[in-house]
Amino acid sequence: MLDQLFFEVYTKFKLHFYQEVLTRFQSREASLTTVETFCMESIQALGSPTINEFASFLHISPSNAAYKVNSLVKKGYVNRIQSPEDRREFHLRATQKYIDYYNISTSYVKEVVTRMDRRFSAEDRAKLTEMLSIVSEELMPEVELPEPPGSVE
């Protein structure tokens, strides 16, 4: 039962995102391929990775990663930012164009969380927060994300 409900919630988030993206691109061709979307979501989640960090995270070769990044740069979704510490190194940063695209998904998550705030008691929300933290931090060790800026451990 829990697994079915978890899949249902996850699927609803994905399908809502697809509905919104396809509605917005109904009159024009979408400019991100599916693989490019996966790459952009990874870059966004990693913060500001180097190409090597991006390649390592996705378990692809640095040359394959560079090819994908070059395509994303040409389409205006990623900028390469030179590292002030090591001028040979460049960090990948999502552009506003991608952030606007990404916000299609995040705005719905925020909407659902707002509904949860109204529907559930503070105690229930605290328990759900605790459970999701445990799932993220302990039960999903295969996917390690950087700490969000400004977070305190």
Protein backbone atom coordinates (compact mmCIF):
# COMPACT_ATOMS: atom_id res chain seq x y z
CA MET A 1 0.00 0.00 0.00
CA LEU A 2 2.75 2.50 0.94
CA ASP A 3 4.70 1.75 -2.23
CA GLN A 4 1.59 2.25 -4.37
CA LEU A 5 0.82 5.58 -2.74
CA PHE A 6 4.42 6.74 -3.03
CA PHE A 7 4.43 5.87 -6.76
CA GLU A 8 1.06 7.59 -7.17
CA VAL A 9 2.30 10.85 -5.62
CA TYR A 10 5.57 10.72 -7.58
CA THR A 11 3.67 10.01 -10.81
CA LYS A 12 1.23 12.86 -10.21
CA PHE A 13 4.11 15.32 -9.76
CA LYS A 14 5.72 14.11 -13.00
CA LEU A 15 2.47 14.15 -14.97
CA HIS A 16 1.57 17.63 -13.79
CA PHE A 17 4.99 18.81 -14.94
CA TYR A 18 4.51 17.16 -18.35
CA GLN A 19 1.05 18.72 -18.71
CA GLU A 20 2.39 22.18 -17.97
CA VAL A 21 5.43 21.83 -20.22
CA LEU A 22 3.42 20.48 -23.16
CA THR A 23 0.73 23.14 -22.72
CA ARG A 24 3.36 25.88 -22.88
CA PHE A 25 5.05 24.34 -25.92
CA GLN A 26 1.83 23.55 -27.80
CA SER A 27 2.40 26.34 -30.30
CA ARG A 28 6.15 25.86 -30.69
CA GLU A 29 8.68 23.07 -30.60
CA ALA A 30 10.19 22.30 -27.19
CA SER A 31 13.85 23.20 -27.19
CA LEU A 32 15.06 20.67 -24.61
CA THR A 33 15.24 16.99 -25.41
CA THR A 34 14.38 14.47 -22.72
CA VAL A 35 18.05 13.68 -22.09
CA GLU A 36 18.89 17.39 -21.95
CA THR A 37 16.12 17.86 -19.40
CA PHE A 38 17.65 15.10 -17.25
CA CYS A 39 21.05 16.78 -17.59
CA MET A 40 19.65 20.18 -16.61
CA GLU A 41 17.84 18.73 -13.60
CA SER A 42 21.13 17.15 -12.50
CA ILE A 43 23.10 20.38 -12.96
CA GLN A 44 20.43 22.31 -11.03
CA ALA A 45 20.40 19.75 -8.20
CA LEU A 46 24.20 19.70 -7.96
CA GLY A 47 24.36 23.47 -7.55
CA SER A 48 27.26 24.66 -9.66
CA PRO A 49 29.23 21.55 -10.63
CA THR A 50 32.26 21.35 -12.86
CA ILE A 51 31.92 19.27 -16.03
CA ASN A 52 33.91 16.50 -14.32
CA GLU A 53 31.63 16.57 -11.25
CA PHE A 54 28.60 16.48 -13.54
CA ALA A 55 30.07 13.57 -15.53
CA SER A 56 30.99 11.67 -12.38
CA PHE A 57 27.54 12.14 -10.87
CA LEU A 58 25.80 10.79 -13.99
CA HIS A 59 28.41 8.04 -14.52
CA ILE A 60 29.24 9.25 -18.03
CA SER A 61 32.55 10.11 -19.64
CA PRO A 62 33.86 13.69 -19.39
CA SER A 63 33.79 13.94 -23.20
CA ASN A 64 30.14 12.84 -23.29
CA ALA A 65 29.35 15.35 -20.54
CA ALA A 66 31.16 18.12 -22.42
CA TYR A 67 29.16 17.32 -25.57
CA LYS A 68 25.87 17.54 -23.64
CA VAL A 69 26.93 20.75 -21.89
CA ASN A 70 27.97 22.37 -25.19
CA SER A 71 24.49 21.69 -26.57
CA LEU A 72 22.88 23.19 -23.45
CA VAL A 73 25.14 26.27 -23.66
CA LYS A 74 24.18 26.78 -27.33
CA LYS A 75 20.49 26.57 -26.43
CA GLY A 76 20.95 29.12 -23.64
CA TYR A 77 20.18 26.88 -20.67
CA VAL A 78 23.67 26.74 -19.10
CA ASN A 79 26.52 29.18 -18.56
CA ARG A 80 30.11 28.18 -17.92
CA ILE A 81 31.50 30.29 -15.06
CA GLN A 82 35.28 30.39 -14.66
CA SER A 83 36.47 29.47 -11.18
CA PRO A 84 38.26 32.37 -9.44
CA GLU A 85 40.46 29.88 -7.54
CA ASP A 86 41.50 27.71 -10.51
CA ARG A 87 41.16 29.61 -13.77
CA ARG A 88 41.37 26.31 -15.73
CA GLU A 89 38.16 25.10 -14.11
CA PHE A 90 34.64 26.09 -15.12
CA HIS A 91 31.43 25.63 -13.15
CA LEU A 92 28.07 25.01 -14.78
CA ARG A 93 25.21 27.29 -13.83
CA ALA A 94 21.63 27.19 -15.02
CA THR A 95 20.50 30.35 -16.79
CA GLN A 96 17.31 32.26 -16.08
CA LYS A 97 15.85 30.62 -19.19
CA TYR A 98 16.18 27.21 -17.51
CA ILE A 99 15.10 28.49 -14.09
CA ASP A 100 11.85 29.73 -15.66
CA TYR A 101 11.36 26.26 -17.19
CA TYR A 102 12.26 24.53 -13.91
CA ASN A 103 9.83 26.70 -11.93
CA ILE A 104 6.96 24.95 -13.73
CA SER A 105 7.73 21.95 -11.52
CA THR A 106 8.68 23.74 -8.31
CA SER A 107 5.60 25.96 -8.29
CA TYR A 108 3.35 22.88 -8.20
CA VAL A 109 5.36 21.34 -5.36
CA LYS A 110 4.96 24.60 -3.43
CA GLU A 111 1.22 24.60 -4.16
CA VAL A 112 0.84 21.05 -2.82
CA VAL A 113 2.88 21.89 0.28
CA THR A 114 0.65 24.92 0.90
CA ARG A 115 -2.38 22.62 0.69
CA MET A 116 -0.68 20.24 3.13
CA ASP A 117 -0.13 23.12 5.54
CA ARG A 118 -3.87 23.81 5.50
CA ARG A 119 -4.94 20.14 5.63
CA PHE A 120 -2.60 18.60 8.23
CA SER A 121 -1.87 19.50 11.83
CA ALA A 122 1.50 20.88 12.85
CA GLU A 123 2.29 17.54 14.50
CA ASP A 124 1.47 15.59 11.32
CA ARG A 125 3.57 17.96 9.20
CA ALA A 126 6.47 17.66 11.65
CA LYS A 127 6.27 13.85 11.49
CA LEU A 128 6.11 13.88 7.68
CA THR A 129 9.09 16.25 7.60
CA GLU A 130 11.02 13.93 9.90
CA MET A 131 10.13 10.88 7.79
CA LEU A 132 11.07 12.55 4.49
CA SER A 133 14.38 13.70 6.01
CA ILE A 134 15.16 10.13 7.04
CA VAL A 135 14.22 8.82 3.58
CA SER A 136 16.42 11.44 1.89
CA GLU A 137 19.41 11.31 4.24
CA GLU A 138 19.51 7.65 5.28
CA LEU A 139 17.49 5.50 2.90
CA MET A 140 18.73 6.97 -0.40
CA PRO A 141 22.53 6.86 -0.02
CA GLU A 142 23.01 6.27 -3.77
CA VAL A 143 22.13 9.89 -4.58
CA GLU A 144 24.12 12.47 -2.65
CA LEU A 145 23.17 16.10 -3.14
CA PRO A 146 25.20 19.10 -2.04
CA GLU A 147 23.93 21.10 0.92
CA PRO A 148 21.65 23.94 -0.18
CA PRO A 149 23.24 27.40 0.15
CA GLY A 150 22.69 28.87 3.60
CA SER A 151 21.86 25.54 5.26
CA VAL A 152 23.30 24.82 8.68
CA GLU A 153 24.30 21.37 9.87
